[in-house]
């Protein structure tokens, strides 16, 4: 998609609106998802886990979330 530059808001409003073909939208979305998976791979464990109590499940979730803290998309977004 080319970049358009405008000198004023009026010039921007007068520009024609680009419409992407409906058939191409899903394919573009699928390619974007594929790129995202390569850039930011899954870090959570796969599978089904059984816990004896709710507290044990929460502890496992907390252990996992602590591991995710240093693997952020926006590391300086405080």
PDB file of N, CA and C in Angstrom:
ATOM      1  N   UNK A   1       0.847  -1.164   0.000  1.00  0.00           N
ATOM      2  CA  UNK A   1       0.000   0.000   0.000  1.00  0.00           C
ATOM      3  C   UNK A   1       0.900   1.236   0.000  1.00  0.00           C
ATOM      4  N   UNK A   2       0.772   2.102  -0.985  1.00  0.00           N
ATOM      5  CA  UNK A   2       1.627   3.284  -1.058  1.00  0.00           C
ATOM      6  C   UNK A   2       1.252   4.319   0.000  1.00  0.00           C
ATOM      7  N   UNK A   3       2.232   5.114   0.367  1.00  0.00           N
ATOM      8  CA  UNK A   3       2.020   6.181   1.343  1.00  0.00           C
ATOM      9  C   UNK A   3       1.614   7.441   0.607  1.00  0.00           C
ATOM     10  N   UNK A   4       0.601   8.121   1.132  1.00  0.00           N
ATOM     11  CA  UNK A   4       0.156   9.383   0.551  1.00  0.00           C
ATOM     12  C   UNK A   4       0.490  10.502   1.517  1.00  0.00           C
ATOM     13  N   UNK A   5       0.966  11.628   0.987  1.00  0.00           N
ATOM     14  CA  UNK A   5       1.286  12.795   1.804  1.00  0.00           C
ATOM     15  C   UNK A   5       0.356  13.928   1.417  1.00  0.00           C
ATOM     16  N   UNK A   6      -0.103  14.663   2.399  1.00  0.00           N
ATOM     17  CA  UNK A   6      -1.019  15.771   2.165  1.00  0.00           C
ATOM     18  C   UNK A   6      -0.488  17.024   2.840  1.00  0.00           C
ATOM     19  N   UNK A   7      -0.748  18.164   2.231  1.00  0.00           N
ATOM     20  CA  UNK A   7      -0.316  19.443   2.795  1.00  0.00           C
ATOM     21  C   UNK A   7      -1.373  20.050   3.709  1.00  0.00           C
ATOM     22  N   UNK A   8      -2.628  19.633   3.558  1.00  0.00           N
ATOM     23  CA  UNK A   8      -3.698  20.184   4.397  1.00  0.00           C
ATOM     24  C   UNK A   8      -4.780  19.124   4.599  1.00  0.00           C
ATOM     25  N   UNK A   9      -5.669  19.412   5.537  1.00  0.00           N
ATOM     26  CA  UNK A   9      -6.772  18.506   5.817  1.00  0.00           C
ATOM     27  C   UNK A   9      -7.736  18.473   4.639  1.00  0.00           C
ATOM     28  N   UNK A  10      -7.928  19.616   3.996  1.00  0.00           N
ATOM     29  CA  UNK A  10      -8.832  19.670   2.846  1.00  0.00           C
ATOM     30  C   UNK A  10      -8.323  18.780   1.712  1.00  0.00           C
ATOM     31  N   UNK A  11      -7.027  18.822   1.482  1.00  0.00           N
ATOM     32  CA  UNK A  11      -6.429  17.981   0.446  1.00  0.00           C
ATOM     33  C   UNK A  11      -6.595  16.503   0.800  1.00  0.00           C
ATOM     34  N   UNK A  12      -6.473  16.194   2.089  1.00  0.00           N
ATOM     35  CA  UNK A  12      -6.638  14.822   2.542  1.00  0.00           C
ATOM     36  C   UNK A  12      -8.085  14.362   2.337  1.00  0.00           C
ATOM     37  N   UNK A  13      -9.045  15.216   2.684  1.00  0.00           N
ATOM     38  CA  UNK A  13     -10.452  14.846   2.533  1.00  0.00           C
ATOM     39  C   UNK A  13     -10.858  14.703   1.071  1.00  0.00           C
ATOM     40  N   UNK A  14     -10.194  15.419   0.169  1.00  0.00           N
ATOM     41  CA  UNK A  14     -10.526  15.356  -1.253  1.00  0.00           C
ATOM     42  C   UNK A  14      -9.955  14.109  -1.930  1.00  0.00           C
ATOM     43  N   UNK A  15      -9.022  13.454  -1.298  1.00  0.00           N
ATOM     44  CA  UNK A  15      -8.395  12.267  -1.896  1.00  0.00           C
ATOM     45  C   UNK A  15      -9.395  11.120  -1.959  1.00  0.00           C
ATOM     46  N   UNK A  16      -9.340  10.308  -3.004  1.00  0.00           N
ATOM     47  CA  UNK A  16     -10.264   9.170  -3.094  1.00  0.00           C
ATOM     48  C   UNK A  16      -9.941   8.123  -2.023  1.00  0.00           C
ATOM     49  N   UNK A  17     -10.978   7.475  -1.531  1.00  0.00           N
ATOM     50  CA  UNK A  17     -10.817   6.444  -0.510  1.00  0.00           C
ATOM     51  C   UNK A  17     -10.465   5.136  -1.197  1.00  0.00           C
ATOM     52  N   UNK A  18      -9.405   4.507  -0.710  1.00  0.00           N
ATOM     53  CA  UNK A  18      -8.985   3.232  -1.300  1.00  0.00           C
ATOM     54  C   UNK A  18      -9.801   2.110  -0.684  1.00  0.00           C
ATOM     55  N   UNK A  19     -10.327   1.253  -1.516  1.00  0.00           N
ATOM     56  CA  UNK A  19     -11.103   0.107  -1.053  1.00  0.00           C
ATOM     57  C   UNK A  19     -10.351  -1.158  -1.455  1.00  0.00           C
ATOM     58  N   UNK A  20     -10.086  -1.998  -0.474  1.00  0.00           N
ATOM     59  CA  UNK A  20      -9.387  -3.256  -0.731  1.00  0.00           C
ATOM     60  C   UNK A  20     -10.424  -4.296  -1.145  1.00  0.00           C
ATOM     61  N   UNK A  21     -10.109  -5.079  -2.130  1.00  0.00           N
ATOM     62  CA  UNK A  21     -11.035  -6.114  -2.599  1.00  0.00           C
ATOM     63  C   UNK A  21     -11.363  -7.082  -1.469  1.00  0.00           C
ATOM     64  N   UNK A  22     -12.616  -7.454  -1.354  1.00  0.00           N
ATOM     65  CA  UNK A  22     -13.070  -8.305  -0.256  1.00  0.00           C
ATOM     66  C   UNK A  22     -12.404  -9.676  -0.279  1.00  0.00           C
ATOM     67  N   UNK A  23     -12.127 -10.220  -1.434  1.00  0.00           N
ATOM     68  CA  UNK A  23     -11.518 -11.538  -1.525  1.00  0.00           C
ATOM     69  C   UNK A  23     -10.088 -11.565  -1.024  1.00  0.00           C
ATOM     70  N   UNK A  24      -9.413 -10.450  -1.053  1.00  0.00           N
ATOM     71  CA  UNK A  24      -8.012 -10.377  -0.666  1.00  0.00           C
ATOM     72  C   UNK A  24      -7.843 -10.141   0.834  1.00  0.00           C
ATOM     73  N   UNK A  25      -8.864  -9.649   1.516  1.00  0.00           N
ATOM     74  CA  UNK A  25      -8.731  -9.257   2.921  1.00  0.00           C
ATOM     75  C   UNK A  25      -8.362 -10.439   3.815  1.00  0.00           C
ATOM     76  N   UNK A  26      -9.029 -11.559   3.663  1.00  0.00           N
ATOM     77  CA  UNK A  26      -8.736 -12.702   4.522  1.00  0.00           C
ATOM     78  C   UNK A  26      -7.340 -13.240   4.276  1.00  0.00           C
ATOM     79  N   UNK A  27      -6.921 -13.270   3.025  1.00  0.00           N
ATOM     80  CA  UNK A  27      -5.576 -13.753   2.709  1.00  0.00           C
ATOM     81  C   UNK A  27      -4.520 -12.851   3.336  1.00  0.00           C
ATOM     82  N   UNK A  28      -4.742 -11.541   3.287  1.00  0.00           N
ATOM     83  CA  UNK A  28      -3.810 -10.606   3.931  1.00  0.00           C
ATOM     84  C   UNK A  28      -3.789 -10.835   5.433  1.00  0.00           C
ATOM     85  N   UNK A  29      -4.966 -11.050   6.035  1.00  0.00           N
ATOM     86  CA  UNK A  29      -5.054 -11.311   7.466  1.00  0.00           C
ATOM     87  C   UNK A  29      -4.301 -12.594   7.829  1.00  0.00           C
ATOM     88  N   UNK A  30      -4.471 -13.641   7.030  1.00  0.00           N
ATOM     89  CA  UNK A  30      -3.788 -14.911   7.292  1.00  0.00           C
ATOM     90  C   UNK A  30      -2.270 -14.754   7.199  1.00  0.00           C
ATOM     91  N   UNK A  31      -1.789 -13.998   6.213  1.00  0.00           N
ATOM     92  CA  UNK A  31      -0.342 -13.754   6.112  1.00  0.00           C
ATOM     93  C   UNK A  31       0.155 -12.968   7.319  1.00  0.00           C
ATOM     94  N   UNK A  32      -0.635 -11.992   7.761  1.00  0.00           N
ATOM     95  CA  UNK A  32      -0.252 -11.200   8.933  1.00  0.00           C
ATOM     96  C   UNK A  32      -0.154 -12.098  10.169  1.00  0.00           C
ATOM     97  N   UNK A  33      -1.115 -13.002  10.342  1.00  0.00           N
ATOM     98  CA  UNK A  33      -1.074 -13.918  11.485  1.00  0.00           C
ATOM     99  C   UNK A  33       0.158 -14.814  11.429  1.00  0.00           C
ATOM    100  N   UNK A  34       0.504 -15.276  10.240  1.00  0.00           N
ATOM    101  CA  UNK A  34       1.697 -16.104  10.088  1.00  0.00           C
ATOM    102  C   UNK A  34       2.959 -15.359  10.465  1.00  0.00           C
ATOM    103  N   UNK A  35       3.043 -14.096  10.042  1.00  0.00           N
ATOM    104  CA  UNK A  35       4.207 -13.276  10.411  1.00  0.00           C
ATOM    105  C   UNK A  35       4.254 -13.063  11.919  1.00  0.00           C
ATOM    106  N   UNK A  36       3.098 -12.802  12.524  1.00  0.00           N
ATOM    107  CA  UNK A  36       3.056 -12.564  13.963  1.00  0.00           C
ATOM    108  C   UNK A  36       3.525 -13.793  14.724  1.00  0.00           C
ATOM    109  N   UNK A  37       3.119 -14.969  14.276  1.00  0.00           N
ATOM    110  CA  UNK A  37       3.551 -16.197  14.962  1.00  0.00           C
ATOM    111  C   UNK A  37       5.053 -16.405  14.864  1.00  0.00           C
ATOM    112  N   UNK A  38       5.656 -15.965  13.759  1.00  0.00           N
ATOM    113  CA  UNK A  38       7.111 -16.078  13.624  1.00  0.00           C
ATOM    114  C   UNK A  38       7.827 -15.076  14.522  1.00  0.00           C
ATOM    115  N   UNK A  39       7.285 -13.862  14.611  1.00  0.00           N
ATOM    116  CA  UNK A  39       7.914 -12.815  15.418  1.00  0.00           C
ATOM    117  C   UNK A  39       7.720 -13.077  16.906  1.00  0.00           C
ATOM    118  N   UNK A  40       6.519 -13.478  17.286  1.00  0.00           N
ATOM    119  CA  UNK A  40       6.166 -13.645  18.694  1.00  0.00           C
ATOM    120  C   UNK A  40       5.620 -15.056  18.899  1.00  0.00           C
ATOM    121  N   UNK A  41       6.493 -16.056  19.009  1.00  0.00           N
ATOM    122  CA  UNK A  41       6.024 -17.440  19.097  1.00  0.00           C
ATOM    123  C   UNK A  41       5.296 -17.719  20.411  1.00  0.00           C
ATOM    124  N   UNK A  42       4.534 -18.789  20.406  1.00  0.00           N
ATOM    125  CA  UNK A  42       3.817 -19.207  21.611  1.00  0.00           C
ATOM    126  C   UNK A  42       4.793 -19.541  22.714  1.00  0.00           C
ATOM    127  N   UNK A  43       4.476 -19.106  23.906  1.00  0.00           N
ATOM    128  CA  UNK A  43       5.356 -19.420  25.023  1.00  0.00           C
ATOM    129  C   UNK A  43       4.645 -20.220  26.099  1.00  0.00           C
ATOM    130  N   UNK A  44       3.348 -20.388  25.986  1.00  0.00           N
ATOM    131  CA  UNK A  44       2.650 -21.139  27.016  1.00  0.00           C
ATOM    132  C   UNK A  44       2.713 -22.632  26.715  1.00  0.00           C
ATOM    133  N   UNK A  45       2.673 -23.446  27.736  1.00  0.00           N
ATOM    134  CA  UNK A  45       2.746 -24.888  27.514  1.00  0.00           C
ATOM    135  C   UNK A  45       1.462 -25.393  26.855  1.00  0.00           C
ATOM    136  N   UNK A  46       1.609 -26.309  25.927  1.00  0.00           N
ATOM    137  CA  UNK A  46       0.450 -26.855  25.234  1.00  0.00           C
ATOM    138  C   UNK A  46      -0.068 -28.073  25.978  1.00  0.00           C
ATOM    139  N   UNK A  47      -1.319 -28.340  25.809  1.00  0.00           N
ATOM    140  CA  UNK A  47      -1.908 -29.530  26.400  1.00  0.00           C
ATOM    141  C   UNK A  47      -2.943 -29.201  27.454  1.00  0.00           C
ATOM    142  N   UNK A  48      -3.442 -30.239  28.085  1.00  0.00           N
ATOM    143  CA  UNK A  48      -4.459 -30.110  29.124  1.00  0.00           C
ATOM    144  C   UNK A  48      -3.807 -30.466  30.447  1.00  0.00           C
ATOM    145  N   UNK A  49      -4.056 -29.652  31.452  1.00  0.00           N
ATOM    146  CA  UNK A  49      -3.460 -29.866  32.763  1.00  0.00           C
ATOM    147  C   UNK A  49      -4.567 -30.066  33.792  1.00  0.00           C
ATOM    148  N   UNK A  50      -4.340 -30.995  34.699  1.00  0.00           N
ATOM    149  CA  UNK A  50      -5.306 -31.236  35.765  1.00  0.00           C
ATOM    150  C   UNK A  50      -4.670 -30.805  37.073  1.00  0.00           C
ATOM    151  N   UNK A  51      -5.463 -30.154  37.901  1.00  0.00           N
ATOM    152  CA  UNK A  51      -4.992 -29.676  39.193  1.00  0.00           C
ATOM    153  C   UNK A  51      -5.918 -30.207  40.279  1.00  0.00           C
ATOM    154  N   UNK A  52      -5.359 -30.421  41.449  1.00  0.00           N
ATOM    155  CA  UNK A  52      -6.149 -30.939  42.559  1.00  0.00           C
ATOM    156  C   UNK A  52      -6.995 -29.857  43.216  1.00  0.00           C
ATOM    157  N   UNK A  53      -6.565 -28.605  43.086  1.00  0.00           N
ATOM    158  CA  UNK A  53      -7.327 -27.521  43.708  1.00  0.00           C
ATOM    159  C   UNK A  53      -7.228 -26.265  42.852  1.00  0.00           C
ATOM    160  N   UNK A  54      -8.118 -25.342  43.135  1.00  0.00           N
ATOM    161  CA  UNK A  54      -8.108 -24.059  42.442  1.00  0.00           C
ATOM    162  C   UNK A  54      -6.819 -23.295  42.746  1.00  0.00           C
ATOM    163  N   UNK A  55      -6.348 -23.387  43.986  1.00  0.00           N
ATOM    164  CA  UNK A  55      -5.122 -22.692  44.385  1.00  0.00           C
ATOM    165  C   UNK A  55      -3.913 -23.219  43.607  1.00  0.00           C
ATOM    166  N   UNK A  56      -3.866 -24.529  43.393  1.00  0.00           N
ATOM    167  CA  UNK A  56      -2.767 -25.118  42.630  1.00  0.00           C
ATOM    168  C   UNK A  56      -2.794 -24.622  41.175  1.00  0.00           C
ATOM    169  N   UNK A  57      -3.986 -24.498  40.602  1.00  0.00           N
ATOM    170  CA  UNK A  57      -4.113 -23.981  39.233  1.00  0.00           C
ATOM    171  C   UNK A  57      -3.680 -22.521  39.158  1.00  0.00           C
ATOM    172  N   UNK A  58      -4.071 -21.730  40.141  1.00  0.00           N
ATOM    173  CA  UNK A  58      -3.678 -20.321  40.167  1.00  0.00           C
ATOM    174  C   UNK A  58      -2.166 -20.181  40.327  1.00  0.00           C
ATOM    175  N   UNK A  59      -1.553 -21.029  41.139  1.00  0.00           N
ATOM    176  CA  UNK A  59      -0.098 -20.982  41.318  1.00  0.00           C
ATOM    177  C   UNK A  59       0.609 -21.312  40.003  1.00  0.00           C
ATOM    178  N   UNK A  60       0.094 -22.287  39.266  1.00  0.00           N
ATOM    179  CA  UNK A  60       0.693 -22.627  37.971  1.00  0.00           C
ATOM    180  C   UNK A  60       0.554 -21.465  37.004  1.00  0.00           C
ATOM    181  N   UNK A  61      -0.596 -20.799  37.021  1.00  0.00           N
ATOM    182  CA  UNK A  61      -0.803 -19.639  36.147  1.00  0.00           C
ATOM    183  C   UNK A  61       0.161 -18.516  36.512  1.00  0.00           C
ATOM    184  N   UNK A  62       0.359 -18.276  37.789  1.00  0.00           N
ATOM    185  CA  UNK A  62       1.290 -17.226  38.225  1.00  0.00           C
ATOM    186  C   UNK A  62       2.723 -17.550  37.808  1.00  0.00           C
ATOM    187  N   UNK A  63       3.127 -18.815  37.941  1.00  0.00           N
ATOM    188  CA  UNK A  63       4.477 -19.200  37.512  1.00  0.00           C
ATOM    189  C   UNK A  63       4.656 -18.945  36.024  1.00  0.00           C
ATOM    190  N   UNK A  64       3.639 -19.230  35.250  1.00  0.00           N
ATOM    191  CA  UNK A  64       3.705 -18.998  33.807  1.00  0.00           C
ATOM    192  C   UNK A  64       3.745 -17.505  33.494  1.00  0.00           C
ATOM    193  N   UNK A  65       2.930 -16.700  34.169  1.00  0.00           N
ATOM    194  CA  UNK A  65       2.885 -15.258  33.914  1.00  0.00           C
ATOM    195  C   UNK A  65       4.190 -14.569  34.280  1.00  0.00           C
ATOM    196  N   UNK A  66       4.878 -15.042  35.287  1.00  0.00           N
ATOM    197  CA  UNK A  66       6.174 -14.469  35.657  1.00  0.00           C
ATOM    198  C   UNK A  66       7.173 -14.703  34.536  1.00  0.00           C
ATOM    199  N   UNK A  67       7.116 -15.850  33.903  1.00  0.00           N
ATOM    200  CA  UNK A  67       8.005 -16.142  32.783  1.00  0.00           C
ATOM    201  C   UNK A  67       7.711 -15.285  31.567  1.00  0.00           C
ATOM    202  N   UNK A  68       6.462 -14.821  31.410  1.00  0.00           N
ATOM    203  CA  UNK A  68       6.096 -13.989  30.268  1.00  0.00           C
ATOM    204  C   UNK A  68       6.476 -12.527  30.458  1.00  0.00           C
ATOM    205  N   UNK A  69       6.745 -12.115  31.669  1.00  0.00           N
ATOM    206  CA  UNK A  69       6.976 -10.699  31.944  1.00  0.00           C
ATOM    207  C   UNK A  69       8.148 -10.127  31.154  1.00  0.00           C
ATOM    208  N   UNK A  70       9.182 -10.896  30.904  1.00  0.00           N
ATOM    209  CA  UNK A  70      10.347 -10.371  30.189  1.00  0.00           C
ATOM    210  C   UNK A  70      10.249 -10.579  28.678  1.00  0.00           C
ATOM    211  N   UNK A  71       9.153 -11.168  28.189  1.00  0.00           N
ATOM    212  CA  UNK A  71       8.986 -11.435  26.753  1.00  0.00           C
ATOM    213  C   UNK A  71       7.800 -10.620  26.233  1.00  0.00           C
ATOM    214  N   UNK A  72       7.950  -9.313  26.278  1.00  0.00           N
ATOM    215  CA  UNK A  72       6.855  -8.428  25.896  1.00  0.00           C
ATOM    216  C   UNK A  72       7.068  -7.876  24.496  1.00  0.00           C
ATOM    217  N   UNK A  73       5.971  -7.579  23.793  1.00  0.00           N
ATOM    218  CA  UNK A  73       6.064  -6.965  22.472  1.00  0.00           C
ATOM    219  C   UNK A  73       6.571  -5.533  22.604  1.00  0.00           C
ATOM    220  N   UNK A  74       6.076  -4.828  23.622  1.00  0.00           N
ATOM    221  CA  UNK A  74       6.465  -3.440  23.854  1.00  0.00           C
ATOM    222  C   UNK A  74       7.208  -3.356  25.186  1.00  0.00           C
ATOM    223  N   UNK A  75       8.514  -3.601  25.206  1.00  0.00           N
ATOM    224  CA  UNK A  75       9.234  -3.669  26.477  1.00  0.00           C
ATOM    225  C   UNK A  75       9.280  -2.354  27.244  1.00  0.00           C
ATOM    226  N   UNK A  76       9.196  -1.213  26.561  1.00  0.00           N
ATOM    227  CA  UNK A  76       9.299   0.075  27.250  1.00  0.00           C
ATOM    228  C   UNK A  76       7.962   0.791  27.330  1.00  0.00           C
ATOM    229  N   UNK A  77       6.869   0.078  27.354  1.00  0.00           N
ATOM    230  CA  UNK A  77       5.539   0.694  27.341  1.00  0.00           C
ATOM    231  C   UNK A  77       4.998   0.882  28.749  1.00  0.00           C
ATOM    232  N   UNK A  78       5.795   1.364  29.664  1.00  0.00           N
ATOM    233  CA  UNK A  78       5.340   1.571  31.048  1.00  0.00           C
ATOM    234  C   UNK A  78       4.553   2.837  31.184  1.00  0.00           C
TER     235      UNK A  78
END
